[in-house]
Amino acid sequence: MTGLLLLTLRELRARRVVVGLFVVATAVWLTLALALQLDVVDGSLAGVRLFGIEEGVVETAPVLNEDGTPVLDPETGEPVVRPTDGPPVGSNPLEQFVFGAEAFVSGAAYWVGILLCLFATGGLVASLVEPGQADLLVSKPLSRSAVLGGRLAGVALVAFALLTYLLGAVWLVMSVKTGVWNPRFLLAIGAVFAMFAVLYGVVTLVSVWSGSGALALIVTLGLVFATLVLAIPNLFLSVDPAVRPLVEGLYTVLPRFPNVGSRLVPFLATGTDFAAQAMAEDGAQPGPPSLVAALTPLLSSVAFGAACYGGAFYLFNRRDY
């Protein structure tokens, strides 16, 4: 199985895929580094610009104890402040901007990273089941599950390395330039990788079934488009009552790529209470936020991906080569 993993990495290197992926990722974080500009006047932050959009310093108010006295920072002894408008993320205007920017960047990197990895590795499983290639590999003293598993392990290794490099470099650039270090941003890497793995489960299943990498990508992108439509607010109320059960069933069964990308990933990256936020957006009943409820889109998507991988391994073991 290790040999097949190394064979996959060599195939990607021969196609210049790995080099291309990391060049694009480098261009992304270099662009961010050049676009992020801070205006400091007399040692204080006066404004921030990101991609030409200027943000002034927002008004803040001190955080008060129950007795009305201000809460003091244990390290500096200064009163802790937070923005008067918007969610209380960050104890000062700079942190608020950084957390907001990181939420935006992580959401954008979610789609950019997944699509980059998908287009770069989408044809690897299809090439595995091509006549001649499949005959050669299954003739080796390895189980068919080990053959397919080795190929998928190579894909996963490259995808995880790319996502770690992309998101890690973005986090490092923003942390160095602003002085605000938010290690929770790196938690987004796990969620993005998990959703890529879900998508690649669809690619694997269609590739093993049809032997066509192009068809696998078309079906996968069609699935992503379908989930975008299903994520439209109040879609259930706007469709004909006769088809509502079908729409609700598809929403329940299919992966929830938009929900994870627009809610879970940004809130993981900024360290806010994403469980409470997700429940509020979903119109949940008042009460303590449930972490399981917030993670439901990710968990249901992973279950869908696991079913796709199970079907792919079953078909690969049953096919006659």
C-alpha atoms as a PDB file:
ATOM      1  CA  MET A   1       0.000   0.000   0.000  1.00  0.00           C
ATOM      2  CA  THR A   2       2.911   2.345   0.734  1.00  0.00           C
ATOM      3  CA  GLY A   3       4.264   1.673  -2.733  1.00  0.00           C
ATOM      4  CA  LEU A   4       0.964   2.711  -4.300  1.00  0.00           C
ATOM      5  CA  LEU A   5       0.950   5.882  -2.216  1.00  0.00           C
ATOM      6  CA  LEU A   6       4.431   6.746  -3.491  1.00  0.00           C
ATOM      7  CA  LEU A   7       3.355   5.857  -7.042  1.00  0.00           C
ATOM      8  CA  THR A   8       0.490   8.333  -6.754  1.00  0.00           C
ATOM      9  CA  LEU A   9       2.831  11.070  -5.546  1.00  0.00           C
ATOM     10  CA  ARG A  10       5.236  10.385  -8.424  1.00  0.00           C
ATOM     11  CA  GLU A  11       2.345  10.525 -10.904  1.00  0.00           C
ATOM     12  CA  LEU A  12       1.252  13.890  -9.549  1.00  0.00           C
ATOM     13  CA  ARG A  13       4.828  15.176  -9.716  1.00  0.00           C
ATOM     14  CA  ALA A  14       5.205  13.946 -13.302  1.00  0.00           C
ATOM     15  CA  ARG A  15       2.077  15.868 -14.267  1.00  0.00           C
ATOM     16  CA  ARG A  16       3.483  19.001 -12.567  1.00  0.00           C
ATOM     17  CA  VAL A  17       0.279  19.014 -10.512  1.00  0.00           C
ATOM     18  CA  VAL A  18       1.952  19.393  -7.130  1.00  0.00           C
ATOM     19  CA  VAL A  19       4.126  22.267  -8.329  1.00  0.00           C
ATOM     20  CA  GLY A  20       1.143  24.014  -9.905  1.00  0.00           C
ATOM     21  CA  LEU A  21      -0.969  23.654  -6.763  1.00  0.00           C
ATOM     22  CA  PHE A  22       1.653  25.168  -4.511  1.00  0.00           C
ATOM     23  CA  VAL A  23       2.391  27.978  -6.979  1.00  0.00           C
ATOM     24  CA  VAL A  24      -1.293  28.967  -6.974  1.00  0.00           C
ATOM     25  CA  ALA A  25      -1.468  28.723  -3.172  1.00  0.00           C
ATOM     26  CA  THR A  26       1.647  30.894  -2.885  1.00  0.00           C
ATOM     27  CA  ALA A  27       0.115  33.483  -5.214  1.00  0.00           C
ATOM     28  CA  VAL A  28      -3.007  33.573  -3.008  1.00  0.00           C
ATOM     29  CA  TRP A  29      -1.230  34.334   0.245  1.00  0.00           C
ATOM     30  CA  LEU A  30       1.238  36.742  -1.368  1.00  0.00           C
ATOM     31  CA  THR A  31      -1.730  38.674  -2.767  1.00  0.00           C
ATOM     32  CA  LEU A  32      -3.222  38.832   0.709  1.00  0.00           C
ATOM     33  CA  ALA A  33       0.087  40.013   2.170  1.00  0.00           C
ATOM     34  CA  LEU A  34       0.269  42.879  -0.317  1.00  0.00           C
ATOM     35  CA  ALA A  35      -3.425  43.774   0.040  1.00  0.00           C
ATOM     36  CA  LEU A  36      -3.437  44.028   3.838  1.00  0.00           C
ATOM     37  CA  GLN A  37      -2.316  47.487   4.960  1.00  0.00           C
ATOM     38  CA  LEU A  38      -2.476  48.987   8.420  1.00  0.00           C
ATOM     39  CA  ASP A  39      -2.460  52.712   9.209  1.00  0.00           C
ATOM     40  CA  VAL A  40      -0.869  53.404  12.578  1.00  0.00           C
ATOM     41  CA  VAL A  41      -0.847  56.930  14.020  1.00  0.00           C
ATOM     42  CA  ASP A  42       1.104  57.648  17.208  1.00  0.00           C
ATOM     43  CA  GLY A  43       1.243  53.964  18.003  1.00  0.00           C
ATOM     44  CA  SER A  44      -2.511  53.420  17.633  1.00  0.00           C
ATOM     45  CA  LEU A  45      -4.452  51.781  14.850  1.00  0.00           C
ATOM     46  CA  ALA A  46      -6.185  54.441  12.741  1.00  0.00           C
ATOM     47  CA  GLY A  47      -7.496  52.310   9.893  1.00  0.00           C
ATOM     48  CA  VAL A  48      -7.156  49.084   7.996  1.00  0.00           C
ATOM     49  CA  ARG A  49      -7.378  48.364   4.277  1.00  0.00           C
ATOM     50  CA  LEU A  50      -7.853  44.950   2.728  1.00  0.00           C
ATOM     51  CA  PHE A  51      -8.136  44.683  -1.085  1.00  0.00           C
ATOM     52  CA  GLY A  52      -8.735  48.442  -1.243  1.00  0.00           C
ATOM     53  CA  ILE A  53     -11.627  48.381   1.243  1.00  0.00           C
ATOM     54  CA  GLU A  54     -10.942  50.712   4.142  1.00  0.00           C
ATOM     55  CA  GLU A  55     -12.157  49.986   7.630  1.00  0.00           C
ATOM     56  CA  GLY A  56     -12.048  52.709  10.220  1.00  0.00           C
ATOM     57  CA  VAL A  57     -11.698  52.041  13.865  1.00  0.00           C
ATOM     58  CA  VAL A  58     -15.052  51.138  15.362  1.00  0.00           C
ATOM     59  CA  GLU A  59     -16.449  52.576  18.554  1.00  0.00           C
ATOM     60  CA  THR A  60     -15.834  50.543  21.661  1.00  0.00           C
ATOM     61  CA  ALA A  61     -17.124  50.380  25.202  1.00  0.00           C
ATOM     62  CA  PRO A  62     -15.530  48.885  28.330  1.00  0.00           C
ATOM     63  CA  VAL A  63     -16.636  45.465  29.524  1.00  0.00           C
ATOM     64  CA  LEU A  64     -18.198  45.807  32.986  1.00  0.00           C
ATOM     65  CA  ASN A  65     -18.449  43.456  35.938  1.00  0.00           C
ATOM     66  CA  GLU A  66     -21.768  42.810  37.680  1.00  0.00           C
ATOM     67  CA  ASP A  67     -21.011  45.632  40.132  1.00  0.00           C
ATOM     68  CA  GLY A  68     -20.416  48.092  37.281  1.00  0.00           C
ATOM     69  CA  THR A  69     -16.635  48.232  37.552  1.00  0.00           C
ATOM     70  CA  PRO A  70     -14.603  47.732  34.358  1.00  0.00           C
ATOM     71  CA  VAL A  71     -12.986  44.355  33.663  1.00  0.00           C
ATOM     72  CA  LEU A  72      -9.192  44.687  33.651  1.00  0.00           C
ATOM     73  CA  ASP A  73      -6.786  42.782  31.437  1.00  0.00           C
ATOM     74  CA  PRO A  74      -4.705  40.573  33.800  1.00  0.00           C
ATOM     75  CA  GLU A  75      -1.542  41.149  31.719  1.00  0.00           C
ATOM     76  CA  THR A  76      -1.675  44.891  31.011  1.00  0.00           C
ATOM     77  CA  GLY A  77      -4.005  46.110  33.715  1.00  0.00           C
ATOM     78  CA  GLU A  78      -5.929  48.138  31.124  1.00  0.00           C
ATOM     79  CA  PRO A  79      -9.749  48.013  30.885  1.00  0.00           C
ATOM     80  CA  VAL A  80     -11.034  45.400  28.448  1.00  0.00           C
ATOM     81  CA  VAL A  81     -13.135  46.916  25.653  1.00  0.00           C
ATOM     82  CA  ARG A  82     -15.282  45.501  22.880  1.00  0.00           C
ATOM     83  CA  PRO A  83     -17.138  46.960  19.906  1.00  0.00           C
ATOM     84  CA  THR A  84     -20.444  48.619  20.664  1.00  0.00           C
ATOM     85  CA  ASP A  85     -21.935  47.171  17.452  1.00  0.00           C
ATOM     86  CA  GLY A  86     -21.712  43.640  16.136  1.00  0.00           C
ATOM     87  CA  PRO A  87     -20.659  40.416  17.824  1.00  0.00           C
ATOM     88  CA  PRO A  88     -18.221  40.651  20.735  1.00  0.00           C
ATOM     89  CA  VAL A  89     -15.278  39.057  18.917  1.00  0.00           C
ATOM     90  CA  GLY A  90     -11.953  40.483  19.981  1.00  0.00           C
ATOM     91  CA  SER A  91     -11.198  42.773  22.882  1.00  0.00           C
ATOM     92  CA  ASN A  92     -10.121  45.737  20.689  1.00  0.00           C
ATOM     93  CA  PRO A  93     -10.799  47.152  17.202  1.00  0.00           C
ATOM     94  CA  LEU A  94      -7.729  45.519  15.662  1.00  0.00           C
ATOM     95  CA  GLU A  95      -8.713  42.072  16.899  1.00  0.00           C
ATOM     96  CA  GLN A  96     -12.252  42.604  15.671  1.00  0.00           C
ATOM     97  CA  PHE A  97     -10.974  43.427  12.188  1.00  0.00           C
ATOM     98  CA  VAL A  98      -8.521  40.515  12.169  1.00  0.00           C
ATOM     99  CA  PHE A  99     -11.179  38.013  13.255  1.00  0.00           C
ATOM    100  CA  GLY A 100     -13.579  39.350  10.649  1.00  0.00           C
ATOM    101  CA  ALA A 101     -10.927  39.169   7.934  1.00  0.00           C
ATOM    102  CA  GLU A 102      -9.930  35.657   8.982  1.00  0.00           C
ATOM    103  CA  ALA A 103     -13.563  34.546   8.879  1.00  0.00           C
ATOM    104  CA  PHE A 104     -13.844  35.893   5.323  1.00  0.00           C
ATOM    105  CA  VAL A 105     -10.515  34.414   4.209  1.00  0.00           C
ATOM    106  CA  SER A 106     -11.246  30.995   5.691  1.00  0.00           C
ATOM    107  CA  GLY A 107     -14.619  30.907   3.945  1.00  0.00           C
ATOM    108  CA  ALA A 108     -13.008  31.839   0.624  1.00  0.00           C
ATOM    109  CA  ALA A 109     -10.149  29.372   1.109  1.00  0.00           C
ATOM    110  CA  TYR A 110     -12.756  26.673   1.780  1.00  0.00           C
ATOM    111  CA  TRP A 111     -13.980  26.840  -1.812  1.00  0.00           C
ATOM    112  CA  VAL A 112     -10.638  27.717  -3.428  1.00  0.00           C
ATOM    113  CA  GLY A 113      -8.738  24.954  -1.657  1.00  0.00           C
ATOM    114  CA  ILE A 114     -11.359  22.275  -2.280  1.00  0.00           C
ATOM    115  CA  LEU A 115     -11.727  23.108  -5.971  1.00  0.00           C
ATOM    116  CA  LEU A 116      -7.948  23.286  -6.499  1.00  0.00           C
ATOM    117  CA  CYS A 117      -7.457  19.866  -4.939  1.00  0.00           C
ATOM    118  CA  LEU A 118     -10.452  18.452  -6.795  1.00  0.00           C
ATOM    119  CA  PHE A 119      -9.345  19.536 -10.265  1.00  0.00           C
ATOM    120  CA  ALA A 120      -5.750  18.484  -9.595  1.00  0.00           C
ATOM    121  CA  THR A 121      -6.512  14.962  -8.386  1.00  0.00           C
ATOM    122  CA  GLY A 122      -9.910  14.238  -9.950  1.00  0.00           C
ATOM    123  CA  GLY A 123      -8.551  11.894 -12.644  1.00  0.00           C
ATOM    124  CA  LEU A 124      -6.308   9.753 -10.465  1.00  0.00           C
ATOM    125  CA  VAL A 125      -8.898   7.114  -9.568  1.00  0.00           C
ATOM    126  CA  ALA A 126     -10.123   6.917 -13.168  1.00  0.00           C
ATOM    127  CA  SER A 127      -6.556   6.297 -14.359  1.00  0.00           C
ATOM    128  CA  LEU A 128      -6.293   3.525 -11.774  1.00  0.00           C
ATOM    129  CA  VAL A 129      -9.158   1.553 -13.345  1.00  0.00           C
ATOM    130  CA  GLU A 130      -8.016   2.008 -16.955  1.00  0.00           C
ATOM    131  CA  PRO A 131      -7.459  -1.238 -18.901  1.00  0.00           C
ATOM    132  CA  GLY A 132      -3.855  -2.289 -18.530  1.00  0.00           C
ATOM    133  CA  GLN A 133      -3.186  -0.192 -15.436  1.00  0.00           C
ATOM    134  CA  ALA A 134      -5.816  -2.022 -13.398  1.00  0.00           C
ATOM    135  CA  ASP A 135      -4.679  -5.410 -14.728  1.00  0.00           C
ATOM    136  CA  LEU A 136      -1.107  -4.689 -13.685  1.00  0.00           C
ATOM    137  CA  LEU A 137      -1.958  -3.479 -10.196  1.00  0.00           C
ATOM    138  CA  VAL A 138      -4.462  -6.187  -9.258  1.00  0.00           C
ATOM    139  CA  SER A 139      -1.927  -8.832 -10.338  1.00  0.00           C
ATOM    140  CA  LYS A 140       0.340  -7.753  -7.485  1.00  0.00           C
ATOM    141  CA  PRO A 141       0.195  -9.588  -4.138  1.00  0.00           C
ATOM    142  CA  LEU A 142      -2.114  -6.956  -2.674  1.00  0.00           C
ATOM    143  CA  SER A 143      -5.798  -6.919  -1.944  1.00  0.00           C
ATOM    144  CA  ARG A 144      -7.929  -4.728  -4.162  1.00  0.00           C
ATOM    145  CA  SER A 145      -8.894  -2.653  -1.149  1.00  0.00           C
ATOM    146  CA  ALA A 146      -5.205  -1.981  -0.520  1.00  0.00           C
ATOM    147  CA  VAL A 147      -4.741  -0.905  -4.149  1.00  0.00           C
ATOM    148  CA  LEU A 148      -7.581   1.602  -4.047  1.00  0.00           C
ATOM    149  CA  GLY A 149      -6.714   2.642  -0.502  1.00  0.00           C
ATOM    150  CA  GLY A 150      -3.122   3.387  -1.487  1.00  0.00           C
ATOM    151  CA  ARG A 151      -4.278   5.636  -4.313  1.00  0.00           C
ATOM    152  CA  LEU A 152      -6.690   7.491  -2.010  1.00  0.00           C
ATOM    153  CA  ALA A 153      -4.016   7.862   0.673  1.00  0.00           C
ATOM    154  CA  GLY A 154      -1.744   9.606  -1.854  1.00  0.00           C
ATOM    155  CA  VAL A 155      -4.553  11.963  -2.844  1.00  0.00           C
ATOM    156  CA  ALA A 156      -5.346  12.715   0.809  1.00  0.00           C
ATOM    157  CA  LEU A 157      -1.699  13.430   1.629  1.00  0.00           C
ATOM    158  CA  VAL A 158      -1.329  15.937  -1.216  1.00  0.00           C
ATOM    159  CA  ALA A 159      -4.662  17.622  -0.447  1.00  0.00           C
ATOM    160  CA  PHE A 160      -3.912  17.946   3.268  1.00  0.00           C
ATOM    161  CA  ALA A 161      -0.441  19.349   2.562  1.00  0.00           C
ATOM    162  CA  LEU A 162      -1.871  21.923   0.151  1.00  0.00           C
ATOM    163  CA  LEU A 163      -4.672  23.030   2.504  1.00  0.00           C
ATOM    164  CA  THR A 164      -2.262  23.258   5.433  1.00  0.00           C
ATOM    165  CA  TYR A 165       0.152  25.336   3.363  1.00  0.00           C
ATOM    166  CA  LEU A 166      -2.564  27.640   2.007  1.00  0.00           C
ATOM    167  CA  LEU A 167      -4.437  28.300   5.249  1.00  0.00           C
ATOM    168  CA  GLY A 168      -1.300  28.179   7.399  1.00  0.00           C
ATOM    169  CA  ALA A 169       0.473  30.767   5.237  1.00  0.00           C
ATOM    170  CA  VAL A 170      -2.590  33.038   5.250  1.00  0.00           C
ATOM    171  CA  TRP A 171      -2.788  32.806   9.045  1.00  0.00           C
ATOM    172  CA  LEU A 172       0.940  33.513   9.398  1.00  0.00           C
ATOM    173  CA  VAL A 173       0.770  36.564   7.107  1.00  0.00           C
ATOM    174  CA  MET A 174      -2.157  38.094   8.968  1.00  0.00           C
ATOM    175  CA  SER A 175      -0.651  37.307  12.369  1.00  0.00           C
ATOM    176  CA  VAL A 176       2.751  38.813  11.553  1.00  0.00           C
ATOM    177  CA  LYS A 177       1.327  41.952   9.931  1.00  0.00           C
ATOM    178  CA  THR A 178      -1.255  42.667  12.640  1.00  0.00           C
ATOM    179  CA  GLY A 179       0.377  41.184  15.728  1.00  0.00           C
ATOM    180  CA  VAL A 180      -2.842  39.312  16.538  1.00  0.00           C
ATOM    181  CA  TRP A 181      -2.167  35.581  16.827  1.00  0.00           C
ATOM    182  CA  ASN A 182      -5.323  33.497  16.643  1.00  0.00           C
ATOM    183  CA  PRO A 183      -4.283  29.815  16.600  1.00  0.00           C
ATOM    184  CA  ARG A 184      -7.924  28.699  16.396  1.00  0.00           C
ATOM    185  CA  PHE A 185      -7.826  29.755  12.745  1.00  0.00           C
ATOM    186  CA  LEU A 186      -5.906  26.551  12.055  1.00  0.00           C
ATOM    187  CA  LEU A 187      -8.934  24.491  13.162  1.00  0.00           C
ATOM    188  CA  ALA A 188     -10.525  25.404   9.846  1.00  0.00           C
ATOM    189  CA  ILE A 189      -7.984  23.179   8.076  1.00  0.00           C
ATOM    190  CA  GLY A 190      -9.616  20.044   9.478  1.00  0.00           C
ATOM    191  CA  ALA A 191     -13.113  21.068   8.387  1.00  0.00           C
ATOM    192  CA  VAL A 192     -11.979  22.037   4.875  1.00  0.00           C
ATOM    193  CA  PHE A 193     -10.067  18.778   4.460  1.00  0.00           C
ATOM    194  CA  ALA A 194     -13.048  16.767   5.701  1.00  0.00           C
ATOM    195  CA  MET A 195     -15.336  18.347   3.108  1.00  0.00           C
ATOM    196  CA  PHE A 196     -12.784  17.748   0.349  1.00  0.00           C
ATOM    197  CA  ALA A 197     -12.704  14.101   1.395  1.00  0.00           C
ATOM    198  CA  VAL A 198     -16.507  13.998   1.122  1.00  0.00           C
ATOM    199  CA  LEU A 199     -16.379  15.405  -2.414  1.00  0.00           C
ATOM    200  CA  TYR A 200     -13.624  13.002  -3.371  1.00  0.00           C
ATOM    201  CA  GLY A 201     -15.805  10.141  -2.204  1.00  0.00           C
ATOM    202  CA  VAL A 202     -18.221  11.071  -5.008  1.00  0.00           C
ATOM    203  CA  VAL A 203     -15.327  11.301  -7.475  1.00  0.00           C
ATOM    204  CA  THR A 204     -14.091   7.871  -6.398  1.00  0.00           C
ATOM    205  CA  LEU A 205     -17.484   6.202  -6.673  1.00  0.00           C
ATOM    206  CA  VAL A 206     -18.265   7.585 -10.141  1.00  0.00           C
ATOM    207  CA  SER A 207     -14.712   6.896 -11.376  1.00  0.00           C
ATOM    208  CA  VAL A 208     -14.782   3.247 -10.299  1.00  0.00           C
ATOM    209  CA  TRP A 209     -18.277   2.795 -11.727  1.00  0.00           C
ATOM    210  CA  SER A 210     -17.691   4.520 -15.082  1.00  0.00           C
ATOM    211  CA  GLY A 211     -13.923   4.630 -15.518  1.00  0.00           C
ATOM    212  CA  SER A 212     -14.226   8.278 -16.618  1.00  0.00           C
ATOM    213  CA  GLY A 213     -12.504  11.052 -14.708  1.00  0.00           C
ATOM    214  CA  ALA A 214     -14.367  13.723 -16.706  1.00  0.00           C
ATOM    215  CA  LEU A 215     -17.755  12.248 -15.811  1.00  0.00           C
ATOM    216  CA  ALA A 216     -16.716  12.009 -12.162  1.00  0.00           C
ATOM    217  CA  LEU A 217     -15.867  15.722 -12.058  1.00  0.00           C
ATOM    218  CA  ILE A 218     -19.094  16.668 -13.866  1.00  0.00           C
ATOM    219  CA  VAL A 219     -21.230  14.670 -11.427  1.00  0.00           C
ATOM    220  CA  THR A 220     -19.344  16.074  -8.436  1.00  0.00           C
ATOM    221  CA  LEU A 221     -19.692  19.693  -9.554  1.00  0.00           C
ATOM    222  CA  GLY A 222     -23.368  19.046 -10.302  1.00  0.00           C
ATOM    223  CA  LEU A 223     -23.769  17.783  -6.749  1.00  0.00           C
ATOM    224  CA  VAL A 224     -22.137  20.945  -5.387  1.00  0.00           C
ATOM    225  CA  PHE A 225     -24.508  23.079  -7.465  1.00  0.00           C
ATOM    226  CA  ALA A 226     -27.489  21.102  -6.172  1.00  0.00           C
ATOM    227  CA  THR A 227     -26.433  21.699  -2.566  1.00  0.00           C
ATOM    228  CA  LEU A 228     -26.107  25.422  -3.281  1.00  0.00           C
ATOM    229  CA  VAL A 229     -29.702  25.462  -4.519  1.00  0.00           C
ATOM    230  CA  LEU A 230     -30.944  23.441  -1.557  1.00  0.00           C
ATOM    231  CA  ALA A 231     -29.255  25.895   0.818  1.00  0.00           C
ATOM    232  CA  ILE A 232     -31.385  28.820  -0.420  1.00  0.00           C
ATOM    233  CA  PRO A 233     -33.261  30.279   2.591  1.00  0.00           C
ATOM    234  CA  ASN A 234     -36.957  29.340   2.765  1.00  0.00           C
ATOM    235  CA  LEU A 235     -36.660  27.139  -0.317  1.00  0.00           C
ATOM    236  CA  PHE A 236     -39.142  24.677   1.201  1.00  0.00           C
ATOM    237  CA  LEU A 237     -41.804  27.363   1.363  1.00  0.00           C
ATOM    238  CA  SER A 238     -41.326  28.504  -2.235  1.00  0.00           C
ATOM    239  CA  VAL A 239     -41.691  25.117  -3.947  1.00  0.00           C
ATOM    240  CA  ASP A 240     -44.882  23.276  -4.740  1.00  0.00           C
ATOM    241  CA  PRO A 241     -46.198  21.338  -1.702  1.00  0.00           C
ATOM    242  CA  ALA A 242     -46.200  18.145  -3.788  1.00  0.00           C
ATOM    243  CA  VAL A 243     -42.403  18.218  -4.167  1.00  0.00           C
ATOM    244  CA  ARG A 244     -41.540  19.438  -0.676  1.00  0.00           C
ATOM    245  CA  PRO A 245     -40.881  15.916   0.651  1.00  0.00           C
ATOM    246  CA  LEU A 246     -38.391  15.385  -2.191  1.00  0.00           C
ATOM    247  CA  VAL A 247     -36.626  18.682  -1.490  1.00  0.00           C
ATOM    248  CA  GLU A 248     -36.490  17.972   2.236  1.00  0.00           C
ATOM    249  CA  GLY A 249     -35.192  14.468   1.587  1.00  0.00           C
ATOM    250  CA  LEU A 250     -32.417  15.718  -0.697  1.00  0.00           C
ATOM    251  CA  TYR A 251     -31.471  18.409   1.824  1.00  0.00           C
ATOM    252  CA  THR A 252     -31.202  15.777   4.544  1.00  0.00           C
ATOM    253  CA  VAL A 253     -29.271  13.193   2.543  1.00  0.00           C
ATOM    254  CA  LEU A 254     -26.904  15.262   0.396  1.00  0.00           C
ATOM    255  CA  PRO A 255     -23.781  16.950   1.819  1.00  0.00           C
ATOM    256  CA  ARG A 256     -24.223  20.513   3.068  1.00  0.00           C
ATOM    257  CA  PHE A 257     -21.259  22.221   1.474  1.00  0.00           C
ATOM    258  CA  PRO A 258     -22.642  25.798   1.683  1.00  0.00           C
ATOM    259  CA  ASN A 259     -23.597  25.419   5.356  1.00  0.00           C
ATOM    260  CA  VAL A 260     -20.157  24.209   6.362  1.00  0.00           C
ATOM    261  CA  GLY A 261     -18.351  26.824   4.272  1.00  0.00           C
ATOM    262  CA  SER A 262     -20.421  29.834   5.314  1.00  0.00           C
ATOM    263  CA  ARG A 263     -20.992  28.952   8.976  1.00  0.00           C
ATOM    264  CA  LEU A 264     -18.846  26.288  10.545  1.00  0.00           C
ATOM    265  CA  VAL A 265     -15.497  27.068   8.905  1.00  0.00           C
ATOM    266  CA  PRO A 266     -15.535  30.843   9.626  1.00  0.00           C
ATOM    267  CA  PHE A 267     -16.698  30.339  13.203  1.00  0.00           C
ATOM    268  CA  LEU A 268     -14.064  27.689  13.813  1.00  0.00           C
ATOM    269  CA  ALA A 269     -11.456  30.054  12.408  1.00  0.00           C
ATOM    270  CA  THR A 270     -12.441  32.981  14.618  1.00  0.00           C
ATOM    271  CA  GLY A 271     -13.073  31.072  17.822  1.00  0.00           C
ATOM    272  CA  THR A 272     -16.593  32.455  18.301  1.00  0.00           C
ATOM    273  CA  ASP A 273     -19.478  30.433  19.662  1.00  0.00           C
ATOM    274  CA  PHE A 274     -20.389  28.869  16.338  1.00  0.00           C
ATOM    275  CA  ALA A 275     -22.835  26.478  17.999  1.00  0.00           C
ATOM    276  CA  ALA A 276     -25.020  29.326  19.267  1.00  0.00           C
ATOM    277  CA  GLN A 277     -24.695  31.230  15.986  1.00  0.00           C
ATOM    278  CA  ALA A 278     -25.655  28.227  13.862  1.00  0.00           C
ATOM    279  CA  MET A 279     -28.710  27.528  16.001  1.00  0.00           C
ATOM    280  CA  ALA A 280     -29.783  31.167  15.830  1.00  0.00           C
ATOM    281  CA  GLU A 281     -29.529  31.169  12.028  1.00  0.00           C
ATOM    282  CA  ASP A 282     -31.485  27.920  11.813  1.00  0.00           C
ATOM    283  CA  GLY A 283     -34.260  29.312  13.978  1.00  0.00           C
ATOM    284  CA  ALA A 284     -33.699  26.852  16.801  1.00  0.00           C
ATOM    285  CA  GLN A 285     -35.613  27.123  20.041  1.00  0.00           C
ATOM    286  CA  PRO A 286     -34.055  29.286  22.765  1.00  0.00           C
ATOM    287  CA  GLY A 287     -31.801  27.467  25.142  1.00  0.00           C
ATOM    288  CA  PRO A 288     -28.215  26.393  25.622  1.00  0.00           C
ATOM    289  CA  PRO A 289     -26.451  25.926  22.265  1.00  0.00           C
ATOM    290  CA  SER A 290     -25.855  22.335  21.225  1.00  0.00           C
ATOM    291  CA  LEU A 291     -22.464  21.525  19.747  1.00  0.00           C
ATOM    292  CA  VAL A 292     -23.928  18.469  18.039  1.00  0.00           C
ATOM    293  CA  ALA A 293     -26.571  20.639  16.354  1.00  0.00           C
ATOM    294  CA  ALA A 294     -23.893  23.003  15.067  1.00  0.00           C
ATOM    295  CA  LEU A 295     -21.798  20.122  13.744  1.00  0.00           C
ATOM    296  CA  THR A 296     -24.746  18.360  12.085  1.00  0.00           C
ATOM    297  CA  PRO A 297     -23.972  19.696   8.559  1.00  0.00           C
ATOM    298  CA  LEU A 298     -20.402  18.428   8.806  1.00  0.00           C
ATOM    299  CA  LEU A 299     -21.326  15.082  10.391  1.00  0.00           C
ATOM    300  CA  SER A 300     -24.099  14.346   7.888  1.00  0.00           C
ATOM    301  CA  SER A 301     -21.761  15.240   5.022  1.00  0.00           C
ATOM    302  CA  VAL A 302     -19.064  12.924   6.351  1.00  0.00           C
ATOM    303  CA  ALA A 303     -21.635  10.121   6.601  1.00  0.00           C
ATOM    304  CA  PHE A 304     -22.557  10.696   2.933  1.00  0.00           C
ATOM    305  CA  GLY A 305     -18.885  10.579   1.955  1.00  0.00           C
ATOM    306  CA  ALA A 306     -18.333   7.372   3.926  1.00  0.00           C
ATOM    307  CA  ALA A 307     -21.241   5.754   2.060  1.00  0.00           C
ATOM    308  CA  CYS A 308     -19.677   6.798  -1.272  1.00  0.00           C
ATOM    309  CA  TYR A 309     -16.319   5.303  -0.317  1.00  0.00           C
ATOM    310  CA  GLY A 310     -18.034   2.107   0.820  1.00  0.00           C
ATOM    311  CA  GLY A 311     -19.788   1.815  -2.542  1.00  0.00           C
ATOM    312  CA  ALA A 312     -16.565   2.519  -4.423  1.00  0.00           C
ATOM    313  CA  PHE A 313     -14.612  -0.171  -2.576  1.00  0.00           C
ATOM    314  CA  TYR A 314     -17.446  -2.640  -3.122  1.00  0.00           C
ATOM    315  CA  LEU A 315     -17.546  -1.992  -6.882  1.00  0.00           C
ATOM    316  CA  PHE A 316     -13.758  -2.066  -7.190  1.00  0.00           C
ATOM    317  CA  ASN A 317     -13.607  -5.450  -5.483  1.00  0.00           C
ATOM    318  CA  ARG A 318     -16.416  -6.830  -7.667  1.00  0.00           C
ATOM    319  CA  ARG A 319     -15.230  -5.593 -11.077  1.00  0.00           C
ATOM    320  CA  ASP A 320     -13.648  -8.044 -13.469  1.00  0.00           C
ATOM    321  CA  TYR A 321     -10.184  -6.902 -14.608  1.00  0.00           C
END
